[in-house]
PDB file of N, CA and C in Angstrom:
ATOM      1  N   MET A   1     -54.603  16.246  14.334  1.00  0.00           N
ATOM      2  CA  MET A   1     -53.516  16.101  15.262  1.00  0.00           C
ATOM      3  C   MET A   1     -53.052  14.655  15.386  1.00  0.00           C
ATOM      4  N   ILE A   2     -53.959  13.720  15.330  1.00  0.00           N
ATOM      5  CA  ILE A   2     -53.608  12.312  15.470  1.00  0.00           C
ATOM      6  C   ILE A   2     -52.739  11.869  14.299  1.00  0.00           C
ATOM      7  N   PHE A   3     -53.101  12.358  13.099  1.00  0.00           N
ATOM      8  CA  PHE A   3     -52.312  12.003  11.930  1.00  0.00           C
ATOM      9  C   PHE A   3     -50.871  12.484  12.094  1.00  0.00           C
ATOM     10  N   TRP A   4     -50.696  13.703  12.583  1.00  0.00           N
ATOM     11  CA  TRP A   4     -49.378  14.284  12.776  1.00  0.00           C
ATOM     12  C   TRP A   4     -48.558  13.473  13.781  1.00  0.00           C
ATOM     13  N   GLU A   5     -49.152  13.062  14.871  1.00  0.00           N
ATOM     14  CA  GLU A   5     -48.450  12.279  15.890  1.00  0.00           C
ATOM     15  C   GLU A   5     -48.074  10.898  15.354  1.00  0.00           C
ATOM     16  N   GLU A   6     -48.974  10.294  14.601  1.00  0.00           N
ATOM     17  CA  GLU A   6     -48.663   8.984  14.012  1.00  0.00           C
ATOM     18  C   GLU A   6     -47.506   9.109  13.016  1.00  0.00           C
ATOM     19  N   TRP A   7     -47.566  10.188  12.239  1.00  0.00           N
ATOM     20  CA  TRP A   7     -46.505  10.386  11.247  1.00  0.00           C
ATOM     21  C   TRP A   7     -45.162  10.594  11.937  1.00  0.00           C
ATOM     22  N   LEU A   8     -45.113  11.355  13.006  1.00  0.00           N
ATOM     23  CA  LEU A   8     -43.871  11.576  13.754  1.00  0.00           C
ATOM     24  C   LEU A   8     -43.384  10.281  14.408  1.00  0.00           C
ATOM     25  N   ASN A   9     -44.311   9.444  14.848  1.00  0.00           N
ATOM     26  CA  ASN A   9     -43.924   8.157  15.424  1.00  0.00           C
ATOM     27  C   ASN A   9     -43.325   7.239  14.364  1.00  0.00           C
ATOM     28  N   GLN A  10     -43.818   7.367  13.144  1.00  0.00           N
ATOM     29  CA  GLN A  10     -43.297   6.541  12.050  1.00  0.00           C
ATOM     30  C   GLN A  10     -41.956   7.073  11.528  1.00  0.00           C
ATOM     31  N   HIS A  11     -41.651   8.335  11.760  1.00  0.00           N
ATOM     32  CA  HIS A  11     -40.417   8.960  11.277  1.00  0.00           C
ATOM     33  C   HIS A  11     -39.657   9.565  12.469  1.00  0.00           C
ATOM     34  N   PRO A  12     -38.920   8.750  13.202  1.00  0.00           N
ATOM     35  CA  PRO A  12     -38.269   9.244  14.431  1.00  0.00           C
ATOM     36  C   PRO A  12     -37.153  10.263  14.161  1.00  0.00           C
ATOM     37  N   ILE A  13     -36.542  10.228  12.991  1.00  0.00           N
ATOM     38  CA  ILE A  13     -35.478  11.192  12.702  1.00  0.00           C
ATOM     39  C   ILE A  13     -36.057  12.602  12.612  1.00  0.00           C
ATOM     40  N   VAL A  14     -37.177  12.734  11.910  1.00  0.00           N
ATOM     41  CA  VAL A  14     -37.831  14.038  11.802  1.00  0.00           C
ATOM     42  C   VAL A  14     -38.278  14.501  13.180  1.00  0.00           C
ATOM     43  N   SER A  15     -38.788  13.591  13.956  1.00  0.00           N
ATOM     44  CA  SER A  15     -39.222  13.927  15.306  1.00  0.00           C
ATOM     45  C   SER A  15     -38.037  14.421  16.144  1.00  0.00           C
ATOM     46  N   PHE A  16     -36.892  13.787  16.003  1.00  0.00           N
ATOM     47  CA  PHE A  16     -35.696  14.202  16.741  1.00  0.00           C
ATOM     48  C   PHE A  16     -35.288  15.620  16.350  1.00  0.00           C
ATOM     49  N   PHE A  17     -35.268  15.909  15.042  1.00  0.00           N
ATOM     50  CA  PHE A  17     -34.844  17.232  14.604  1.00  0.00           C
ATOM     51  C   PHE A  17     -35.869  18.316  14.961  1.00  0.00           C
ATOM     52  N   LEU A  18     -37.146  17.951  15.053  1.00  0.00           N
ATOM     53  CA  LEU A  18     -38.139  18.925  15.524  1.00  0.00           C
ATOM     54  C   LEU A  18     -37.971  19.179  17.023  1.00  0.00           C
ATOM     55  N   SER A  19     -37.518  18.177  17.742  1.00  0.00           N
ATOM     56  CA  SER A  19     -37.295  18.337  19.179  1.00  0.00           C
ATOM     57  C   SER A  19     -35.990  19.076  19.460  1.00  0.00           C
ATOM     58  N   HIS A  20     -35.027  19.007  18.543  1.00  0.00           N
ATOM     59  CA  HIS A  20     -33.705  19.640  18.718  1.00  0.00           C
ATOM     60  C   HIS A  20     -33.410  20.515  17.495  1.00  0.00           C
ATOM     61  N   PRO A  21     -34.018  21.693  17.403  1.00  0.00           N
ATOM     62  CA  PRO A  21     -33.883  22.507  16.187  1.00  0.00           C
ATOM     63  C   PRO A  21     -32.470  23.048  15.951  1.00  0.00           C
ATOM     64  N   VAL A  22     -31.730  23.372  16.990  1.00  0.00           N
ATOM     65  CA  VAL A  22     -30.383  23.922  16.807  1.00  0.00           C
ATOM     66  C   VAL A  22     -29.481  22.861  16.164  1.00  0.00           C
ATOM     67  N   MET A  23     -29.555  21.650  16.673  1.00  0.00           N
ATOM     68  CA  MET A  23     -28.755  20.569  16.110  1.00  0.00           C
ATOM     69  C   MET A  23     -29.171  20.295  14.662  1.00  0.00           C
ATOM     70  N   GLY A  24     -30.446  20.385  14.393  1.00  0.00           N
ATOM     71  CA  GLY A  24     -30.942  20.177  13.033  1.00  0.00           C
ATOM     72  C   GLY A  24     -30.418  21.229  12.081  1.00  0.00           C
ATOM     73  N   ILE A  25     -30.388  22.501  12.526  1.00  0.00           N
ATOM     74  CA  ILE A  25     -29.872  23.576  11.669  1.00  0.00           C
ATOM     75  C   ILE A  25     -28.382  23.384  11.408  1.00  0.00           C
ATOM     76  N   ILE A  26     -27.636  23.020  12.441  1.00  0.00           N
ATOM     77  CA  ILE A  26     -26.192  22.801  12.281  1.00  0.00           C
ATOM     78  C   ILE A  26     -25.941  21.655  11.304  1.00  0.00           C
ATOM     79  N   LEU A  27     -26.653  20.558  11.455  1.00  0.00           N
ATOM     80  CA  LEU A  27     -26.474  19.428  10.546  1.00  0.00           C
ATOM     81  C   LEU A  27     -26.908  19.768   9.124  1.00  0.00           C
ATOM     82  N   LEU A  28     -27.939  20.596   8.989  1.00  0.00           N
ATOM     83  CA  LEU A  28     -28.388  21.032   7.662  1.00  0.00           C
ATOM     84  C   LEU A  28     -27.313  21.888   6.987  1.00  0.00           C
ATOM     85  N   ILE A  29     -26.691  22.781   7.748  1.00  0.00           N
ATOM     86  CA  ILE A  29     -25.607  23.608   7.199  1.00  0.00           C
ATOM     87  C   ILE A  29     -24.437  22.740   6.762  1.00  0.00           C
ATOM     88  N   ILE A  30     -24.070  21.774   7.589  1.00  0.00           N
ATOM     89  CA  ILE A  30     -22.964  20.861   7.235  1.00  0.00           C
ATOM     90  C   ILE A  30     -23.312  20.068   5.983  1.00  0.00           C
ATOM     91  N   LEU A  31     -24.535  19.591   5.898  1.00  0.00           N
ATOM     92  CA  LEU A  31     -24.969  18.821   4.735  1.00  0.00           C
ATOM     93  C   LEU A  31     -24.931  19.665   3.466  1.00  0.00           C
ATOM     94  N   VAL A  32     -25.395  20.910   3.541  1.00  0.00           N
ATOM     95  CA  VAL A  32     -25.369  21.801   2.375  1.00  0.00           C
ATOM     96  C   VAL A  32     -23.929  22.065   1.966  1.00  0.00           C
ATOM     97  N   TYR A  33     -23.036  22.280   2.933  1.00  0.00           N
ATOM     98  CA  TYR A  33     -21.626  22.517   2.635  1.00  0.00           C
ATOM     99  C   TYR A  33     -21.009  21.301   1.941  1.00  0.00           C
ATOM    100  N   LEU A  34     -21.269  20.106   2.444  1.00  0.00           N
ATOM    101  CA  LEU A  34     -20.709  18.896   1.840  1.00  0.00           C
ATOM    102  C   LEU A  34     -21.220  18.694   0.419  1.00  0.00           C
ATOM    103  N   ILE A  35     -22.494  18.907   0.214  1.00  0.00           N
ATOM    104  CA  ILE A  35     -23.055  18.738  -1.129  1.00  0.00           C
ATOM    105  C   ILE A  35     -22.452  19.759  -2.089  1.00  0.00           C
ATOM    106  N   SER A  36     -22.309  21.012  -1.646  1.00  0.00           N
ATOM    107  CA  SER A  36     -21.710  22.022  -2.526  1.00  0.00           C
ATOM    108  C   SER A  36     -20.258  21.687  -2.835  1.00  0.00           C
ATOM    109  N   TYR A  37     -19.530  21.169  -1.841  1.00  0.00           N
ATOM    110  CA  TYR A  37     -18.136  20.778  -2.064  1.00  0.00           C
ATOM    111  C   TYR A  37     -18.051  19.652  -3.098  1.00  0.00           C
ATOM    112  N   LEU A  38     -18.919  18.661  -2.968  1.00  0.00           N
ATOM    113  CA  LEU A  38     -18.918  17.559  -3.926  1.00  0.00           C
ATOM    114  C   LEU A  38     -19.277  18.041  -5.328  1.00  0.00           C
ATOM    115  N   LEU A  39     -20.218  18.962  -5.420  1.00  0.00           N
ATOM    116  CA  LEU A  39     -20.589  19.494  -6.727  1.00  0.00           C
ATOM    117  C   LEU A  39     -19.439  20.305  -7.346  1.00  0.00           C
ATOM    118  N   GLN A  40     -18.632  20.947  -6.524  1.00  0.00           N
ATOM    119  CA  GLN A  40     -17.469  21.676  -7.037  1.00  0.00           C
ATOM    120  C   GLN A  40     -16.381  20.721  -7.513  1.00  0.00           C
ATOM    121  N   GLN A  41     -16.294  19.557  -6.920  1.00  0.00           N
ATOM    122  CA  GLN A  41     -15.235  18.614  -7.266  1.00  0.00           C
ATOM    123  C   GLN A  41     -15.537  17.842  -8.548  1.00  0.00           C
ATOM    124  N   ILE A  42     -16.781  17.727  -8.928  1.00  0.00           N
ATOM    125  CA  ILE A  42     -17.143  16.967 -10.127  1.00  0.00           C
ATOM    126  C   ILE A  42     -16.466  17.533 -11.373  1.00  0.00           C
ATOM    127  N   PRO A  43     -16.476  18.852 -11.630  1.00  0.00           N
ATOM    128  CA  PRO A  43     -15.763  19.349 -12.818  1.00  0.00           C
ATOM    129  C   PRO A  43     -14.266  19.088 -12.773  1.00  0.00           C
ATOM    130  N   ARG A  44     -13.664  19.207 -11.586  1.00  0.00           N
ATOM    131  CA  ARG A  44     -12.226  18.927 -11.466  1.00  0.00           C
ATOM    132  C   ARG A  44     -11.918  17.478 -11.821  1.00  0.00           C
ATOM    133  N   ILE A  45     -12.758  16.578 -11.362  1.00  0.00           N
ATOM    134  CA  ILE A  45     -12.548  15.161 -11.658  1.00  0.00           C
ATOM    135  C   ILE A  45     -12.691  14.914 -13.160  1.00  0.00           C
ATOM    136  N   ILE A  46     -13.697  15.527 -13.770  1.00  0.00           N
ATOM    137  CA  ILE A  46     -13.913  15.341 -15.204  1.00  0.00           C
ATOM    138  C   ILE A  46     -12.741  15.905 -15.998  1.00  0.00           C
ATOM    139  N   ILE A  47     -12.262  17.108 -15.636  1.00  0.00           N
ATOM    140  CA  ILE A  47     -11.127  17.709 -16.341  1.00  0.00           C
ATOM    141  C   ILE A  47      -9.879  16.848 -16.182  1.00  0.00           C
ATOM    142  N   ASN A  48      -9.640  16.357 -14.982  1.00  0.00           N
ATOM    143  CA  ASN A  48      -8.485  15.496 -14.737  1.00  0.00           C
ATOM    144  C   ASN A  48      -8.571  14.218 -15.570  1.00  0.00           C
ATOM    145  N   LEU A  49      -9.750  13.629 -15.626  1.00  0.00           N
ATOM    146  CA  LEU A  49      -9.945  12.408 -16.399  1.00  0.00           C
ATOM    147  C   LEU A  49      -9.737  12.662 -17.888  1.00  0.00           C
ATOM    148  N   LEU A  50     -10.297  13.768 -18.408  1.00  0.00           N
ATOM    149  CA  LEU A  50     -10.113  14.089 -19.821  1.00  0.00           C
ATOM    150  C   LEU A  50      -8.645  14.367 -20.140  1.00  0.00           C
ATOM    151  N   TRP A  51      -7.955  15.059 -19.247  1.00  0.00           N
ATOM    152  CA  TRP A  51      -6.536  15.341 -19.451  1.00  0.00           C
ATOM    153  C   TRP A  51      -5.734  14.035 -19.520  1.00  0.00           C
ATOM    154  N   ARG A  52      -6.040  13.104 -18.651  1.00  0.00           N
ATOM    155  CA  ARG A  52      -5.335  11.810 -18.685  1.00  0.00           C
ATOM    156  C   ARG A  52      -5.643  11.046 -19.969  1.00  0.00           C
ATOM    157  N   ILE A  53      -6.889  11.113 -20.428  1.00  0.00           N
ATOM    158  CA  ILE A  53      -7.260  10.435 -21.673  1.00  0.00           C
ATOM    159  C   ILE A  53      -6.521  11.060 -22.850  1.00  0.00           C
ATOM    160  N   ILE A  54      -6.383  12.395 -22.846  1.00  0.00           N
ATOM    161  CA  ILE A  54      -5.660  13.065 -23.928  1.00  0.00           C
ATOM    162  C   ILE A  54      -4.181  12.699 -23.895  1.00  0.00           C
ATOM    163  N   LYS A  55      -3.581  12.574 -22.720  1.00  0.00           N
ATOM    164  CA  LYS A  55      -2.158  12.268 -22.598  1.00  0.00           C
ATOM    165  C   LYS A  55      -1.840  10.785 -22.845  1.00  0.00           C
ATOM    166  N   LEU A  56      -2.830   9.927 -22.762  1.00  0.00           N
ATOM    167  CA  LEU A  56      -2.597   8.488 -22.862  1.00  0.00           C
ATOM    168  C   LEU A  56      -1.917   8.061 -24.162  1.00  0.00           C
ATOM    169  N   PRO A  57      -2.340   8.511 -25.361  1.00  0.00           N
ATOM    170  CA  PRO A  57      -1.653   8.069 -26.581  1.00  0.00           C
ATOM    171  C   PRO A  57      -0.177   8.463 -26.605  1.00  0.00           C
ATOM    172  N   PHE A  58       0.129   9.666 -26.111  1.00  0.00           N
ATOM    173  CA  PHE A  58       1.519  10.104 -26.098  1.00  0.00           C
ATOM    174  C   PHE A  58       2.347   9.263 -25.127  1.00  0.00           C
ATOM    175  N   TRP A  59       1.751   8.915 -24.014  1.00  0.00           N
ATOM    176  CA  TRP A  59       2.444   8.065 -23.042  1.00  0.00           C
ATOM    177  C   TRP A  59       2.707   6.684 -23.637  1.00  0.00           C
ATOM    178  N   LEU A  60       1.709   6.141 -24.336  1.00  0.00           N
ATOM    179  CA  LEU A  60       1.879   4.833 -24.961  1.00  0.00           C
ATOM    180  C   LEU A  60       2.948   4.874 -26.055  1.00  0.00           C
ATOM    181  N   LEU A  61       2.964   5.955 -26.857  1.00  0.00           N
ATOM    182  CA  LEU A  61       4.011   6.098 -27.876  1.00  0.00           C
ATOM    183  C   LEU A  61       5.384   6.181 -27.226  1.00  0.00           C
ATOM    184  N   GLY A  62       5.476   6.889 -26.112  1.00  0.00           N
ATOM    185  CA  GLY A  62       6.743   6.972 -25.389  1.00  0.00           C
ATOM    186  C   GLY A  62       7.201   5.602 -24.912  1.00  0.00           C
ATOM    187  N   LEU A  63       6.270   4.815 -24.432  1.00  0.00           N
ATOM    188  CA  LEU A  63       6.631   3.454 -24.005  1.00  0.00           C
ATOM    189  C   LEU A  63       7.078   2.612 -25.188  1.00  0.00           C
ATOM    190  N   TYR A  64       6.411   2.793 -26.328  1.00  0.00           N
ATOM    191  CA  TYR A  64       6.744   1.998 -27.510  1.00  0.00           C
ATOM    192  C   TYR A  64       8.138   2.332 -28.013  1.00  0.00           C
ATOM    193  N   PHE A  65       8.448   3.631 -28.128  1.00  0.00           N
ATOM    194  CA  PHE A  65       9.742   4.016 -28.677  1.00  0.00           C
ATOM    195  C   PHE A  65      10.872   3.905 -27.660  1.00  0.00           C
ATOM    196  N   ASP A  66      10.574   4.019 -26.398  1.00  0.00           N
ATOM    197  CA  ASP A  66      11.599   3.844 -25.371  1.00  0.00           C
ATOM    198  C   ASP A  66      11.682   2.400 -24.924  1.00  0.00           C
ATOM    199  N   GLY A  67      10.966   1.515 -25.589  1.00  0.00           N
ATOM    200  CA  GLY A  67      10.958   0.100 -25.209  1.00  0.00           C
ATOM    201  C   GLY A  67      12.330  -0.526 -25.313  1.00  0.00           C
ATOM    202  N   GLU A  68      13.115  -0.130 -26.358  1.00  0.00           N
ATOM    203  CA  GLU A  68      14.450  -0.700 -26.507  1.00  0.00           C
ATOM    204  C   GLU A  68      15.330  -0.298 -25.340  1.00  0.00           C
ATOM    205  N   LYS A  69      15.251   0.972 -24.958  1.00  0.00           N
ATOM    206  CA  LYS A  69      16.027   1.434 -23.812  1.00  0.00           C
ATOM    207  C   LYS A  69      15.556   0.719 -22.546  1.00  0.00           C
ATOM    208  N   GLY A  70      14.237   0.565 -22.433  1.00  0.00           N
ATOM    209  CA  GLY A  70      13.683  -0.127 -21.275  1.00  0.00           C
ATOM    210  C   GLY A  70      14.131  -1.576 -21.221  1.00  0.00           C
ATOM    211  N   ASP A  71      14.210  -2.236 -22.405  1.00  0.00           N
ATOM    212  CA  ASP A  71      14.689  -3.614 -22.437  1.00  0.00           C
ATOM    213  C   ASP A  71      16.135  -3.692 -21.969  1.00  0.00           C
ATOM    214  N   LYS A  72      16.958  -2.742 -22.393  1.00  0.00           N
ATOM    215  CA  LYS A  72      18.357  -2.731 -21.960  1.00  0.00           C
ATOM    216  C   LYS A  72      18.451  -2.551 -20.455  1.00  0.00           C
ATOM    217  N   GLN A  73      17.611  -1.678 -19.923  1.00  0.00           N
ATOM    218  CA  GLN A  73      17.617  -1.455 -18.481  1.00  0.00           C
ATOM    219  C   GLN A  73      17.203  -2.720 -17.743  1.00  0.00           C
ATOM    220  N   VAL A  74      16.238  -3.439 -18.282  1.00  0.00           N
ATOM    221  CA  VAL A  74      15.800  -4.683 -17.643  1.00  0.00           C
ATOM    222  C   VAL A  74      16.932  -5.704 -17.651  1.00  0.00           C
ATOM    223  N   VAL A  75      17.635  -5.821 -18.789  1.00  0.00           N
ATOM    224  CA  VAL A  75      18.749  -6.775 -18.882  1.00  0.00           C
ATOM    225  C   VAL A  75      19.852  -6.391 -17.907  1.00  0.00           C
ATOM    226  N   GLU A  76      20.154  -5.085 -17.812  1.00  0.00           N
ATOM    227  CA  GLU A  76      21.175  -4.637 -16.863  1.00  0.00           C
ATOM    228  C   GLU A  76      20.761  -4.949 -15.434  1.00  0.00           C
ATOM    229  N   ARG A  77      19.501  -4.727 -15.132  1.00  0.00           N
ATOM    230  CA  ARG A  77      19.003  -4.992 -13.774  1.00  0.00           C
ATOM    231  C   ARG A  77      19.093  -6.481 -13.455  1.00  0.00           C
ATOM    232  N   ILE A  78      18.755  -7.326 -14.426  1.00  0.00           N
ATOM    233  CA  ILE A  78      18.854  -8.775 -14.203  1.00  0.00           C
ATOM    234  C   ILE A  78      20.306  -9.150 -13.964  1.00  0.00           C
ATOM    235  N   GLY A  79      21.226  -8.525 -14.721  1.00  0.00           N
ATOM    236  CA  GLY A  79      22.651  -8.788 -14.519  1.00  0.00           C
ATOM    237  C   GLY A  79      23.102  -8.382 -13.126  1.00  0.00           C
ATOM    238  N   GLU A  80      22.615  -7.233 -12.647  1.00  0.00           N
ATOM    239  CA  GLU A  80      22.957  -6.792 -11.296  1.00  0.00           C
ATOM    240  C   GLU A  80      22.436  -7.774 -10.256  1.00  0.00           C
ATOM    241  N   ILE A  81      21.211  -8.233 -10.462  1.00  0.00           N
ATOM    242  CA  ILE A  81      20.620  -9.176  -9.504  1.00  0.00           C
ATOM    243  C   ILE A  81      21.397 -10.485  -9.490  1.00  0.00           C
ATOM    244  N   SER A  82      21.766 -10.984 -10.678  1.00  0.00           N
ATOM    245  CA  SER A  82      22.511 -12.240 -10.705  1.00  0.00           C
ATOM    246  C   SER A  82      23.887 -12.062 -10.080  1.00  0.00           C
ATOM    247  N   ALA A  83      24.521 -10.894 -10.264  1.00  0.00           N
ATOM    248  CA  ALA A  83      25.819 -10.646  -9.630  1.00  0.00           C
ATOM    249  C   ALA A  83      25.668 -10.635  -8.108  1.00  0.00           C
ATOM    250  N   LYS A  84      24.599 -10.003  -7.626  1.00  0.00           N
ATOM    251  CA  LYS A  84      24.352  -9.992  -6.184  1.00  0.00           C
ATOM    252  C   LYS A  84      24.113 -11.399  -5.671  1.00  0.00           C
ATOM    253  N   GLU A  85      23.384 -12.203  -6.454  1.00  0.00           N
ATOM    254  CA  GLU A  85      23.123 -13.581  -6.036  1.00  0.00           C
ATOM    255  C   GLU A  85      24.421 -14.385  -5.981  1.00  0.00           C
ATOM    256  N   GLU A  86      25.331 -14.146  -6.941  1.00  0.00           N
ATOM    257  CA  GLU A  86      26.616 -14.843  -6.919  1.00  0.00           C
ATOM    258  C   GLU A  86      27.418 -14.455  -5.690  1.00  0.00           C
ATOM    259  N   ILE A  87      27.445 -13.168  -5.376  1.00  0.00           N
ATOM    260  CA  ILE A  87      28.172 -12.703  -4.197  1.00  0.00           C
ATOM    261  C   ILE A  87      27.557 -13.293  -2.941  1.00  0.00           C
ATOM    262  N   GLN A  88      26.239 -13.313  -2.871  1.00  0.00           N
ATOM    263  CA  GLN A  88      25.575 -13.885  -1.711  1.00  0.00           C
ATOM    264  C   GLN A  88      25.848 -15.380  -1.619  1.00  0.00           C
ATOM    265  N   GLY A  89      25.878 -16.068  -2.773  1.00  0.00           N
ATOM    266  CA  GLY A  89      26.176 -17.500  -2.771  1.00  0.00           C
ATOM    267  C   GLY A  89      27.588 -17.772  -2.259  1.00  0.00           C
ATOM    268  N   GLU A  90      28.552 -16.966  -2.692  1.00  0.00           N
ATOM    269  CA  GLU A  90      29.918 -17.124  -2.215  1.00  0.00           C
ATOM    270  C   GLU A  90      29.999 -16.837  -0.727  1.00  0.00           C
ATOM    271  N   LEU A  91      29.303 -15.805  -0.294  1.00  0.00           N
ATOM    272  CA  LEU A  91      29.290 -15.461   1.120  1.00  0.00           C
ATOM    273  C   LEU A  91      28.690 -16.591   1.939  1.00  0.00           C
ATOM    274  N   MET A  92      27.599 -17.173   1.433  1.00  0.00           N
ATOM    275  CA  MET A  92      26.979 -18.301   2.142  1.00  0.00           C
ATOM    276  C   MET A  92      27.932 -19.492   2.222  1.00  0.00           C
ATOM    277  N   LYS A  93      28.686 -19.744   1.152  1.00  0.00           N
ATOM    278  CA  LYS A  93      29.646 -20.855   1.166  1.00  0.00           C
ATOM    279  C   LYS A  93      30.722 -20.632   2.216  1.00  0.00           C
ATOM    280  N   THR A  94      31.237 -19.407   2.299  1.00  0.00           N
ATOM    281  CA  THR A  94      32.276 -19.141   3.300  1.00  0.00           C
ATOM    282  C   THR A  94      31.710 -19.240   4.713  1.00  0.00           C
ATOM    283  N   ILE A  95      30.496 -18.765   4.915  1.00  0.00           N
ATOM    284  CA  ILE A  95      29.881 -18.862   6.247  1.00  0.00           C
ATOM    285  C   ILE A  95      29.685 -20.320   6.631  1.00  0.00           C
ATOM    286  N   ILE A  96      29.204 -21.139   5.688  1.00  0.00           N
ATOM    287  CA  ILE A  96      28.986 -22.563   5.968  1.00  0.00           C
ATOM    288  C   ILE A  96      30.309 -23.239   6.280  1.00  0.00           C
ATOM    289  N   LYS A  97      31.371 -22.904   5.524  1.00  0.00           N
ATOM    290  CA  LYS A  97      32.684 -23.494   5.778  1.00  0.00           C
ATOM    291  C   LYS A  97      33.177 -23.109   7.166  1.00  0.00           C
ATOM    292  N   LYS A  98      33.028 -21.847   7.559  1.00  0.00           N
ATOM    293  CA  LYS A  98      33.453 -21.417   8.894  1.00  0.00           C
ATOM    294  C   LYS A  98      32.656 -22.128   9.984  1.00  0.00           C
ATOM    295  N   LEU A  99      31.345 -22.283   9.753  1.00  0.00           N
ATOM    296  CA  LEU A  99      30.518 -22.987  10.736  1.00  0.00           C
ATOM    297  C   LEU A  99      30.939 -24.442  10.873  1.00  0.00           C
ATOM    298  N   GLU A 100      31.285 -25.083   9.745  1.00  0.00           N
ATOM    299  CA  GLU A 100      31.752 -26.466   9.806  1.00  0.00           C
ATOM    300  C   GLU A 100      33.072 -26.548  10.557  1.00  0.00           C
ATOM    301  N   ASP A 101      33.987 -25.591  10.333  1.00  0.00           N
ATOM    302  CA  ASP A 101      35.254 -25.565  11.071  1.00  0.00           C
ATOM    303  C   ASP A 101      35.010 -25.398  12.567  1.00  0.00           C
ATOM    304  N   ILE A 102      34.082 -24.512  12.918  1.00  0.00           N
ATOM    305  CA  ILE A 102      33.753 -24.304  14.333  1.00  0.00           C
ATOM    306  C   ILE A 102      33.176 -25.579  14.934  1.00  0.00           C
ATOM    307  N   GLU A 103      32.343 -26.275  14.168  1.00  0.00           N
ATOM    308  CA  GLU A 103      31.751 -27.518  14.663  1.00  0.00           C
ATOM    309  C   GLU A 103      32.836 -28.572  14.892  1.00  0.00           C
ATOM    310  N   GLU A 104      33.800 -28.655  13.979  1.00  0.00           N
ATOM    311  CA  GLU A 104      34.905 -29.612  14.152  1.00  0.00           C
ATOM    312  C   GLU A 104      35.705 -29.279  15.402  1.00  0.00           C
ATOM    313  N   LYS A 105      35.990 -27.991  15.616  1.00  0.00           N
ATOM    314  CA  LYS A 105      36.739 -27.591  16.814  1.00  0.00           C
ATOM    315  C   LYS A 105      35.966 -27.928  18.074  1.00  0.00           C
ATOM    316  N   GLN A 106      34.651 -27.722  18.035  1.00  0.00           N
ATOM    317  CA  GLN A 106      33.824 -28.046  19.200  1.00  0.00           C
ATOM    318  C   GLN A 106      33.877 -29.542  19.499  1.00  0.00           C
ATOM    319  N   THR A 107      33.771 -30.363  18.466  1.00  0.00           N
ATOM    320  CA  THR A 107      33.820 -31.822  18.709  1.00  0.00           C
ATOM    321  C   THR A 107      35.189 -32.235  19.244  1.00  0.00           C
ATOM    322  N   LYS A 108      36.257 -31.634  18.734  1.00  0.00           N
ATOM    323  CA  LYS A 108      37.600 -31.952  19.254  1.00  0.00           C
ATOM    324  C   LYS A 108      37.723 -31.547  20.714  1.00  0.00           C
ATOM    325  N   ILE A 109      37.199 -30.366  21.064  1.00  0.00           N
ATOM    326  CA  ILE A 109      37.267 -29.902  22.448  1.00  0.00           C
ATOM    327  C   ILE A 109      36.450 -30.820  23.343  1.00  0.00           C
ATOM    328  N   LEU A 110      35.256 -31.222  22.889  1.00  0.00           N
ATOM    329  CA  LEU A 110      34.426 -32.129  23.684  1.00  0.00           C
ATOM    330  C   LEU A 110      35.121 -33.472  23.886  1.00  0.00           C
ATOM    331  N   GLU A 111      35.750 -33.992  22.825  1.00  0.00           N
ATOM    332  CA  GLU A 111      36.469 -35.261  22.944  1.00  0.00           C
ATOM    333  C   GLU A 111      37.628 -35.131  23.925  1.00  0.00           C
ATOM    334  N   ALA A 112      38.332 -34.007  23.878  1.00  0.00           N
ATOM    335  CA  ALA A 112      39.444 -33.797  24.798  1.00  0.00           C
ATOM    336  C   ALA A 112      38.959 -33.719  26.229  1.00  0.00           C
ATOM    337  N   LEU A 113      37.831 -33.038  26.459  1.00  0.00           N
ATOM    338  CA  LEU A 113      37.274 -32.937  27.805  1.00  0.00           C
ATOM    339  C   LEU A 113      36.812 -34.297  28.311  1.00  0.00           C
ATOM    340  N   LEU A 114      36.222 -35.093  27.424  1.00  0.00           N
ATOM    341  CA  LEU A 114      35.764 -36.423  27.841  1.00  0.00           C
ATOM    342  C   LEU A 114      36.953 -37.332  28.178  1.00  0.00           C
ATOM    343  N   LYS A 115      38.060 -37.218  27.446  1.00  0.00           N
ATOM    344  CA  LYS A 115      39.252 -38.022  27.720  1.00  0.00           C
ATOM    345  C   LYS A 115      39.859 -37.634  29.061  1.00  0.00           C
ATOM    346  N   GLU A 116      39.838 -36.321  29.379  1.00  0.00           N
ATOM    347  CA  GLU A 116      40.404 -35.872  30.643  1.00  0.00           C
ATOM    348  C   GLU A 116      39.577 -36.351  31.832  1.00  0.00           C
ATOM    349  N   LYS A 117      38.271 -36.456  31.653  1.00  0.00           N
ATOM    350  CA  LYS A 117      37.407 -36.907  32.746  1.00  0.00           C
ATOM    351  C   LYS A 117      37.643 -38.377  33.049  1.00  0.00           C
ATOM    352  N   LYS A 118      38.000 -39.160  32.065  1.00  0.00           N
ATOM    353  CA  LYS A 118      38.147 -40.595  32.291  1.00  0.00           C
ATOM    354  C   LYS A 118      39.410 -40.827  33.021  1.00  0.00           C
TER     355      LYS A 118
END
């Protein structure tokens, strides 16, 4: 009996489950379910991985032969981006010009107000 008590003192988890058998059974059922689920998923993962490995050469060939089309698309996209940058640059120039005009009007108004006060 002393050996058993010492062993339970050294292993508190086992002692807990012996003290709470219903909770232990529920956790055991959940654990068995999770392990079975993981074991069912292993073949799916392997099949998916093998399928991707089989498709990889064809995908690479598609990239190789569609590379010219892809290059054209990249050049077109760069052209679109540069056109947008030009439009944005022009827009920024007009905004800056309007802000400078507003600043000039403000200084003229301030000068006029200061002259009236004197």
